[in-house]
Amino acid sequence: MPVTTATPPVEPTAADLGKLIDELERSWKASITVRRTSKADVGYRDIYVSLDGGEPAILHSGDEVAWDVTPGKHQIRAHNTLFRKTAEVELSPGERATFTVINKAGFGTYSVLAFFVGGGPLYLSLTRETEVPRG
């Protein structure tokens, strides 16, 4: 009969454990991104975006802001000092939500009165982008 010797188990290194912990933490977090990258955006006037009542981020045309969050319900607020929008979202572990915020021209934006006042109203929109399933 052949004699077999058992190989001792290999202990993971600290680096291996660190990578595993990072992967587990990422899978149990969620993320929210708000973008101001739409071609429909007029490109001027700042948009202020906050998450769950926190400090607002100021978005200029082409900017985006992202937060890592705990799974659950969250509230996104956006305003351009004239109009305000709010979006509620509930996220599962590992889920990512992306929103687009737009300053857009509308009725009265380029009127004669707006010319004399220095600018007309820019209407605000805050919408969740459609997620494309993977796989």
N, C-alpha and C. Protein backbone atom coordinates (compact mmCIF):
# COMPACT_ATOMS: atom_id res chain seq x y z
N MET A 1 0.83 -1.18 0.00
CA MET A 1 0.00 0.00 0.00
C MET A 1 0.87 1.24 0.00
N PRO A 2 0.49 2.20 -0.88
CA PRO A 2 1.26 3.44 -0.89
C PRO A 2 0.95 4.27 0.34
N VAL A 3 1.94 4.95 0.80
CA VAL A 3 1.78 5.81 1.96
C VAL A 3 1.55 7.24 1.47
N THR A 4 0.49 7.84 1.95
CA THR A 4 0.22 9.23 1.56
C THR A 4 0.45 10.12 2.76
N THR A 5 0.96 11.23 2.49
CA THR A 5 1.17 12.19 3.57
C THR A 5 0.26 13.37 3.33
N ALA A 6 -0.36 13.80 4.35
CA ALA A 6 -1.28 14.93 4.25
C ALA A 6 -0.46 16.22 4.28
N THR A 7 -0.83 17.13 3.40
CA THR A 7 -0.15 18.41 3.39
C THR A 7 -0.82 19.31 4.42
N PRO A 8 -0.03 20.02 5.19
CA PRO A 8 -0.63 20.89 6.20
C PRO A 8 -1.40 22.02 5.54
N PRO A 9 -2.48 22.47 6.17
CA PRO A 9 -3.25 23.58 5.58
C PRO A 9 -2.41 24.86 5.54
N VAL A 10 -2.65 25.62 4.51
CA VAL A 10 -1.92 26.88 4.34
C VAL A 10 -2.72 27.99 5.01
N GLU A 11 -2.08 28.71 5.88
CA GLU A 11 -2.73 29.82 6.58
C GLU A 11 -2.74 31.04 5.65
N PRO A 12 -3.86 31.76 5.60
CA PRO A 12 -3.89 32.97 4.76
C PRO A 12 -2.99 34.06 5.34
N THR A 13 -2.45 34.85 4.46
CA THR A 13 -1.58 35.95 4.90
C THR A 13 -2.46 37.13 5.33
N ALA A 14 -1.83 38.09 5.98
CA ALA A 14 -2.55 39.29 6.40
C ALA A 14 -3.09 40.05 5.18
N ALA A 15 -2.33 40.05 4.08
CA ALA A 15 -2.78 40.72 2.86
C ALA A 15 -4.02 40.03 2.30
N ASP A 16 -4.03 38.68 2.31
CA ASP A 16 -5.19 37.94 1.83
C ASP A 16 -6.42 38.26 2.68
N LEU A 17 -6.25 38.29 3.98
CA LEU A 17 -7.37 38.61 4.87
C LEU A 17 -7.85 40.04 4.66
N GLY A 18 -6.93 40.97 4.45
CA GLY A 18 -7.31 42.36 4.19
C GLY A 18 -8.14 42.49 2.92
N LYS A 19 -7.74 41.78 1.85
CA LYS A 19 -8.50 41.82 0.60
C LYS A 19 -9.89 41.23 0.80
N LEU A 20 -9.98 40.14 1.55
CA LEU A 20 -11.27 39.50 1.81
C LEU A 20 -12.18 40.43 2.60
N ILE A 21 -11.64 41.10 3.61
CA ILE A 21 -12.44 42.03 4.41
C ILE A 21 -12.92 43.20 3.55
N ASP A 22 -12.05 43.73 2.68
CA ASP A 22 -12.45 44.83 1.78
C ASP A 22 -13.59 44.40 0.86
N GLU A 23 -13.50 43.19 0.31
CA GLU A 23 -14.55 42.69 -0.58
C GLU A 23 -15.86 42.52 0.18
N LEU A 24 -15.80 42.01 1.40
CA LEU A 24 -17.01 41.84 2.20
C LEU A 24 -17.64 43.18 2.55
N GLU A 25 -16.81 44.16 2.92
CA GLU A 25 -17.33 45.49 3.25
C GLU A 25 -18.01 46.13 2.05
N ARG A 26 -17.39 45.99 0.86
CA ARG A 26 -17.99 46.56 -0.35
C ARG A 26 -19.32 45.89 -0.67
N SER A 27 -19.42 44.59 -0.45
CA SER A 27 -20.65 43.89 -0.79
C SER A 27 -21.78 44.23 0.17
N TRP A 28 -21.46 44.75 1.37
CA TRP A 28 -22.49 45.09 2.34
C TRP A 28 -22.79 46.57 2.38
N LYS A 29 -22.14 47.34 1.55
CA LYS A 29 -22.45 48.77 1.43
C LYS A 29 -23.25 49.00 0.17
N ALA A 30 -23.81 50.16 0.06
CA ALA A 30 -24.51 50.59 -1.15
C ALA A 30 -23.90 51.92 -1.55
N SER A 31 -24.26 52.42 -2.73
CA SER A 31 -23.72 53.71 -3.14
C SER A 31 -24.76 54.52 -3.90
N ILE A 32 -24.62 55.83 -3.78
CA ILE A 32 -25.49 56.78 -4.47
C ILE A 32 -24.60 57.78 -5.20
N THR A 33 -24.89 57.98 -6.48
CA THR A 33 -24.16 58.95 -7.30
C THR A 33 -25.16 59.93 -7.88
N VAL A 34 -24.82 61.20 -7.85
CA VAL A 34 -25.63 62.24 -8.49
C VAL A 34 -24.73 62.93 -9.51
N ARG A 35 -25.20 62.94 -10.77
CA ARG A 35 -24.43 63.50 -11.88
C ARG A 35 -25.11 64.74 -12.46
N ARG A 36 -24.27 65.65 -12.89
CA ARG A 36 -24.75 66.81 -13.65
C ARG A 36 -24.01 66.81 -14.99
N THR A 37 -24.26 65.78 -15.77
CA THR A 37 -23.53 65.57 -17.02
C THR A 37 -24.43 65.53 -18.25
N SER A 38 -25.70 65.83 -18.08
CA SER A 38 -26.64 65.77 -19.20
C SER A 38 -26.38 66.90 -20.19
N LYS A 39 -26.55 66.59 -21.47
CA LYS A 39 -26.43 67.63 -22.51
C LYS A 39 -27.61 68.60 -22.46
N ALA A 40 -28.67 68.21 -21.75
CA ALA A 40 -29.84 69.09 -21.62
C ALA A 40 -29.60 70.19 -20.59
N ASP A 41 -28.55 70.07 -19.79
CA ASP A 41 -28.25 71.07 -18.77
C ASP A 41 -27.76 72.36 -19.45
N VAL A 42 -28.24 73.50 -18.97
CA VAL A 42 -27.86 74.77 -19.59
C VAL A 42 -26.41 75.16 -19.31
N GLY A 43 -25.81 74.56 -18.29
CA GLY A 43 -24.38 74.77 -18.05
C GLY A 43 -24.02 75.90 -17.11
N TYR A 44 -25.00 76.57 -16.55
CA TYR A 44 -24.67 77.62 -15.58
C TYR A 44 -25.62 77.53 -14.40
N ARG A 45 -25.30 78.24 -13.36
CA ARG A 45 -25.96 78.25 -12.06
C ARG A 45 -25.69 76.94 -11.32
N ASP A 46 -25.11 77.06 -10.14
CA ASP A 46 -24.75 75.89 -9.34
C ASP A 46 -25.98 75.13 -8.87
N ILE A 47 -25.78 73.83 -8.67
CA ILE A 47 -26.81 72.98 -8.07
C ILE A 47 -26.21 72.42 -6.79
N TYR A 48 -26.96 72.54 -5.70
CA TYR A 48 -26.53 72.07 -4.39
C TYR A 48 -27.24 70.75 -4.10
N VAL A 49 -26.46 69.72 -3.79
CA VAL A 49 -27.02 68.38 -3.56
C VAL A 49 -26.57 67.88 -2.20
N SER A 50 -27.53 67.39 -1.40
CA SER A 50 -27.18 66.83 -0.10
C SER A 50 -27.85 65.47 0.07
N LEU A 51 -27.25 64.67 0.92
CA LEU A 51 -27.75 63.32 1.21
C LEU A 51 -28.10 63.25 2.69
N ASP A 52 -29.32 62.87 2.98
CA ASP A 52 -29.80 62.67 4.35
C ASP A 52 -29.53 63.88 5.25
N GLY A 53 -29.68 65.08 4.70
CA GLY A 53 -29.53 66.29 5.49
C GLY A 53 -28.09 66.69 5.77
N GLY A 54 -27.14 66.04 5.13
CA GLY A 54 -25.72 66.35 5.34
C GLY A 54 -25.30 67.61 4.61
N GLU A 55 -24.02 67.91 4.71
CA GLU A 55 -23.43 69.08 4.06
C GLU A 55 -23.62 68.97 2.54
N PRO A 56 -24.10 70.03 1.90
CA PRO A 56 -24.34 69.94 0.45
C PRO A 56 -23.06 69.99 -0.37
N ALA A 57 -23.09 69.23 -1.46
CA ALA A 57 -22.03 69.29 -2.47
C ALA A 57 -22.50 70.26 -3.54
N ILE A 58 -21.58 71.05 -4.08
CA ILE A 58 -21.92 72.01 -5.12
C ILE A 58 -21.51 71.41 -6.46
N LEU A 59 -22.50 71.23 -7.34
CA LEU A 59 -22.23 70.65 -8.66
C LEU A 59 -22.25 71.72 -9.73
N HIS A 60 -21.16 71.81 -10.45
CA HIS A 60 -21.07 72.65 -11.64
C HIS A 60 -21.36 71.74 -12.83
N SER A 61 -21.56 72.29 -13.98
CA SER A 61 -21.82 71.49 -15.18
C SER A 61 -20.68 70.49 -15.39
N GLY A 62 -21.02 69.22 -15.57
CA GLY A 62 -20.02 68.17 -15.79
C GLY A 62 -19.56 67.46 -14.53
N ASP A 63 -19.98 67.92 -13.36
CA ASP A 63 -19.56 67.33 -12.09
C ASP A 63 -20.45 66.17 -11.67
N GLU A 64 -19.95 65.39 -10.72
CA GLU A 64 -20.75 64.37 -10.06
C GLU A 64 -20.23 64.19 -8.65
N VAL A 65 -21.10 63.65 -7.79
CA VAL A 65 -20.73 63.38 -6.41
C VAL A 65 -21.24 61.98 -6.08
N ALA A 66 -20.48 61.25 -5.27
CA ALA A 66 -20.87 59.88 -4.92
C ALA A 66 -20.67 59.66 -3.43
N TRP A 67 -21.56 58.88 -2.85
CA TRP A 67 -21.48 58.53 -1.44
C TRP A 67 -21.58 57.01 -1.29
N ASP A 68 -20.76 56.44 -0.40
CA ASP A 68 -20.95 55.06 0.05
C ASP A 68 -21.88 55.15 1.25
N VAL A 69 -22.95 54.37 1.24
CA VAL A 69 -23.96 54.46 2.28
C VAL A 69 -24.29 53.08 2.82
N THR A 70 -24.94 53.06 3.97
CA THR A 70 -25.44 51.80 4.49
C THR A 70 -26.72 51.46 3.74
N PRO A 71 -27.02 50.20 3.55
CA PRO A 71 -28.28 49.83 2.91
C PRO A 71 -29.46 50.38 3.71
N GLY A 72 -30.54 50.69 3.02
CA GLY A 72 -31.73 51.23 3.66
C GLY A 72 -32.24 52.44 2.92
N LYS A 73 -33.08 53.23 3.61
CA LYS A 73 -33.71 54.40 3.00
C LYS A 73 -32.80 55.63 3.11
N HIS A 74 -32.79 56.40 2.03
CA HIS A 74 -32.00 57.63 1.98
C HIS A 74 -32.79 58.71 1.23
N GLN A 75 -32.47 59.96 1.54
CA GLN A 75 -33.14 61.09 0.91
C GLN A 75 -32.09 62.00 0.26
N ILE A 76 -32.31 62.31 -1.01
CA ILE A 76 -31.43 63.21 -1.76
C ILE A 76 -32.20 64.51 -1.99
N ARG A 77 -31.56 65.62 -1.66
CA ARG A 77 -32.17 66.93 -1.88
C ARG A 77 -31.27 67.73 -2.81
N ALA A 78 -31.90 68.42 -3.75
CA ALA A 78 -31.16 69.25 -4.69
C ALA A 78 -31.89 70.59 -4.82
N HIS A 79 -31.12 71.66 -4.98
CA HIS A 79 -31.72 72.96 -5.25
C HIS A 79 -30.74 73.83 -6.03
N ASN A 80 -31.32 74.78 -6.76
CA ASN A 80 -30.50 75.74 -7.51
C ASN A 80 -30.76 77.16 -7.01
N THR A 81 -31.13 77.27 -5.75
CA THR A 81 -31.49 78.49 -5.01
C THR A 81 -32.87 79.02 -5.37
N LEU A 82 -33.51 78.46 -6.38
CA LEU A 82 -34.85 78.89 -6.74
C LEU A 82 -35.84 77.71 -6.67
N PHE A 83 -35.45 76.60 -7.23
CA PHE A 83 -36.30 75.41 -7.23
C PHE A 83 -35.64 74.30 -6.43
N ARG A 84 -36.46 73.46 -5.77
CA ARG A 84 -35.97 72.36 -4.95
C ARG A 84 -36.60 71.05 -5.42
N LYS A 85 -35.83 69.99 -5.36
CA LYS A 85 -36.32 68.65 -5.68
C LYS A 85 -35.81 67.69 -4.61
N THR A 86 -36.62 66.68 -4.32
CA THR A 86 -36.25 65.65 -3.35
C THR A 86 -36.52 64.29 -3.96
N ALA A 87 -35.64 63.35 -3.72
CA ALA A 87 -35.83 61.97 -4.16
C ALA A 87 -35.56 61.04 -2.98
N GLU A 88 -36.38 60.04 -2.83
CA GLU A 88 -36.19 59.02 -1.80
C GLU A 88 -35.78 57.73 -2.50
N VAL A 89 -34.87 57.01 -1.87
CA VAL A 89 -34.41 55.75 -2.45
C VAL A 89 -34.16 54.77 -1.32
N GLU A 90 -34.48 53.51 -1.57
CA GLU A 90 -34.17 52.43 -0.61
C GLU A 90 -33.25 51.46 -1.32
N LEU A 91 -32.09 51.23 -0.72
CA LEU A 91 -31.06 50.41 -1.35
C LEU A 91 -30.81 49.12 -0.57
N SER A 92 -30.53 48.07 -1.32
CA SER A 92 -30.13 46.78 -0.76
C SER A 92 -28.61 46.74 -0.68
N PRO A 93 -28.05 45.80 0.08
CA PRO A 93 -26.58 45.68 0.13
C PRO A 93 -26.01 45.48 -1.28
N GLY A 94 -24.98 46.24 -1.60
CA GLY A 94 -24.32 46.14 -2.89
C GLY A 94 -25.01 46.90 -4.01
N GLU A 95 -26.17 47.46 -3.78
CA GLU A 95 -26.91 48.17 -4.82
C GLU A 95 -26.33 49.57 -5.03
N ARG A 96 -26.38 50.02 -6.29
CA ARG A 96 -25.93 51.36 -6.64
C ARG A 96 -27.07 52.11 -7.31
N ALA A 97 -27.28 53.33 -6.87
CA ALA A 97 -28.31 54.19 -7.47
C ALA A 97 -27.62 55.41 -8.06
N THR A 98 -27.99 55.75 -9.28
CA THR A 98 -27.42 56.91 -9.94
C THR A 98 -28.55 57.85 -10.34
N PHE A 99 -28.37 59.12 -10.03
CA PHE A 99 -29.36 60.14 -10.33
C PHE A 99 -28.74 61.19 -11.24
N THR A 100 -29.57 61.79 -12.08
CA THR A 100 -29.15 62.90 -12.92
C THR A 100 -29.89 64.14 -12.47
N VAL A 101 -29.14 65.22 -12.30
CA VAL A 101 -29.72 66.50 -11.93
C VAL A 101 -29.43 67.48 -13.06
N ILE A 102 -30.47 68.26 -13.42
CA ILE A 102 -30.35 69.14 -14.59
C ILE A 102 -30.95 70.51 -14.28
N ASN A 103 -30.21 71.55 -14.62
CA ASN A 103 -30.75 72.91 -14.68
C ASN A 103 -31.20 73.10 -16.11
N LYS A 104 -32.50 73.30 -16.32
CA LYS A 104 -32.97 73.42 -17.70
C LYS A 104 -33.78 74.69 -17.89
N ALA A 105 -33.69 75.19 -19.10
CA ALA A 105 -34.44 76.39 -19.46
C ALA A 105 -35.91 76.04 -19.62
N GLY A 106 -36.75 77.00 -19.33
CA GLY A 106 -38.19 76.79 -19.48
C GLY A 106 -38.86 78.11 -19.73
N PHE A 107 -40.14 78.17 -19.47
CA PHE A 107 -40.91 79.38 -19.69
C PHE A 107 -40.30 80.54 -18.91
N GLY A 108 -39.97 81.60 -19.58
CA GLY A 108 -39.46 82.80 -18.94
C GLY A 108 -37.96 82.87 -18.77
N THR A 109 -37.25 81.79 -19.09
CA THR A 109 -35.80 81.79 -18.88
C THR A 109 -35.11 82.83 -19.74
N TYR A 110 -35.53 82.95 -20.98
CA TYR A 110 -34.88 83.89 -21.90
C TYR A 110 -35.83 85.01 -22.33
N SER A 111 -36.71 85.43 -21.44
CA SER A 111 -37.66 86.49 -21.77
C SER A 111 -37.00 87.86 -21.70
N VAL A 112 -37.72 88.86 -22.16
CA VAL A 112 -37.23 90.23 -22.12
C VAL A 112 -37.04 90.67 -20.67
N LEU A 113 -37.97 90.31 -19.80
CA LEU A 113 -37.85 90.65 -18.38
C LEU A 113 -36.60 90.02 -17.78
N ALA A 114 -36.33 88.79 -18.15
CA ALA A 114 -35.13 88.10 -17.65
C ALA A 114 -33.87 88.84 -18.08
N PHE A 115 -33.90 89.42 -19.27
CA PHE A 115 -32.76 90.19 -19.76
C PHE A 115 -32.49 91.38 -18.84
N PHE A 116 -33.54 92.07 -18.41
CA PHE A 116 -33.37 93.25 -17.57
C PHE A 116 -33.05 92.88 -16.12
N VAL A 117 -33.54 91.76 -15.67
CA VAL A 117 -33.30 91.33 -14.29
C VAL A 117 -31.93 90.67 -14.15
N GLY A 118 -31.41 90.15 -15.24
CA GLY A 118 -30.10 89.50 -15.19
C GLY A 118 -30.18 88.00 -15.34
N GLY A 119 -31.34 87.49 -15.64
CA GLY A 119 -31.50 86.05 -15.87
C GLY A 119 -32.85 85.58 -15.43
N GLY A 120 -33.36 84.61 -16.14
CA GLY A 120 -34.67 84.05 -15.80
C GLY A 120 -34.52 82.78 -15.01
N PRO A 121 -35.64 82.17 -14.64
CA PRO A 121 -35.58 80.96 -13.83
C PRO A 121 -35.03 79.77 -14.62
N LEU A 122 -34.23 78.98 -13.94
CA LEU A 122 -33.76 77.70 -14.48
C LEU A 122 -34.46 76.61 -13.70
N TYR A 123 -35.20 75.80 -14.40
CA TYR A 123 -35.97 74.75 -13.76
C TYR A 123 -35.07 73.57 -13.44
N LEU A 124 -35.37 72.89 -12.36
CA LEU A 124 -34.52 71.82 -11.85
C LEU A 124 -35.21 70.48 -12.02
N SER A 125 -34.46 69.48 -12.43
CA SER A 125 -34.99 68.12 -12.45
C SER A 125 -33.99 67.19 -11.76
N LEU A 126 -34.53 66.20 -11.05
CA LEU A 126 -33.72 65.19 -10.35
C LEU A 126 -34.38 63.86 -10.62
N THR A 127 -33.75 63.02 -11.43
CA THR A 127 -34.35 61.74 -11.80
C THR A 127 -33.34 60.61 -11.64
N ARG A 128 -33.86 59.45 -11.30
CA ARG A 128 -33.00 58.27 -11.18
C ARG A 128 -32.78 57.68 -12.55
N GLU A 129 -31.52 57.36 -12.85
CA GLU A 129 -31.19 56.73 -14.12
C GLU A 129 -31.65 55.28 -14.09
N THR A 130 -32.01 54.76 -15.25
CA THR A 130 -32.42 53.36 -15.34
C THR A 130 -31.18 52.49 -15.26
N GLU A 131 -31.23 51.53 -14.34
CA GLU A 131 -30.09 50.63 -14.16
C GLU A 131 -30.13 49.55 -15.26
N VAL A 132 -28.97 49.24 -15.81
CA VAL A 132 -28.86 48.17 -16.80
C VAL A 132 -28.39 46.93 -16.08
N PRO A 133 -29.22 45.85 -16.08
CA PRO A 133 -28.80 44.64 -15.37
C PRO A 133 -27.55 44.04 -15.99
N ARG A 134 -26.71 43.50 -15.14
CA ARG A 134 -25.48 42.85 -15.60
C ARG A 134 -25.73 41.37 -15.86
N GLY A 135 -24.90 40.83 -16.74
CA GLY A 135 -24.93 39.39 -16.95
C GLY A 135 -25.78 39.06 -18.07
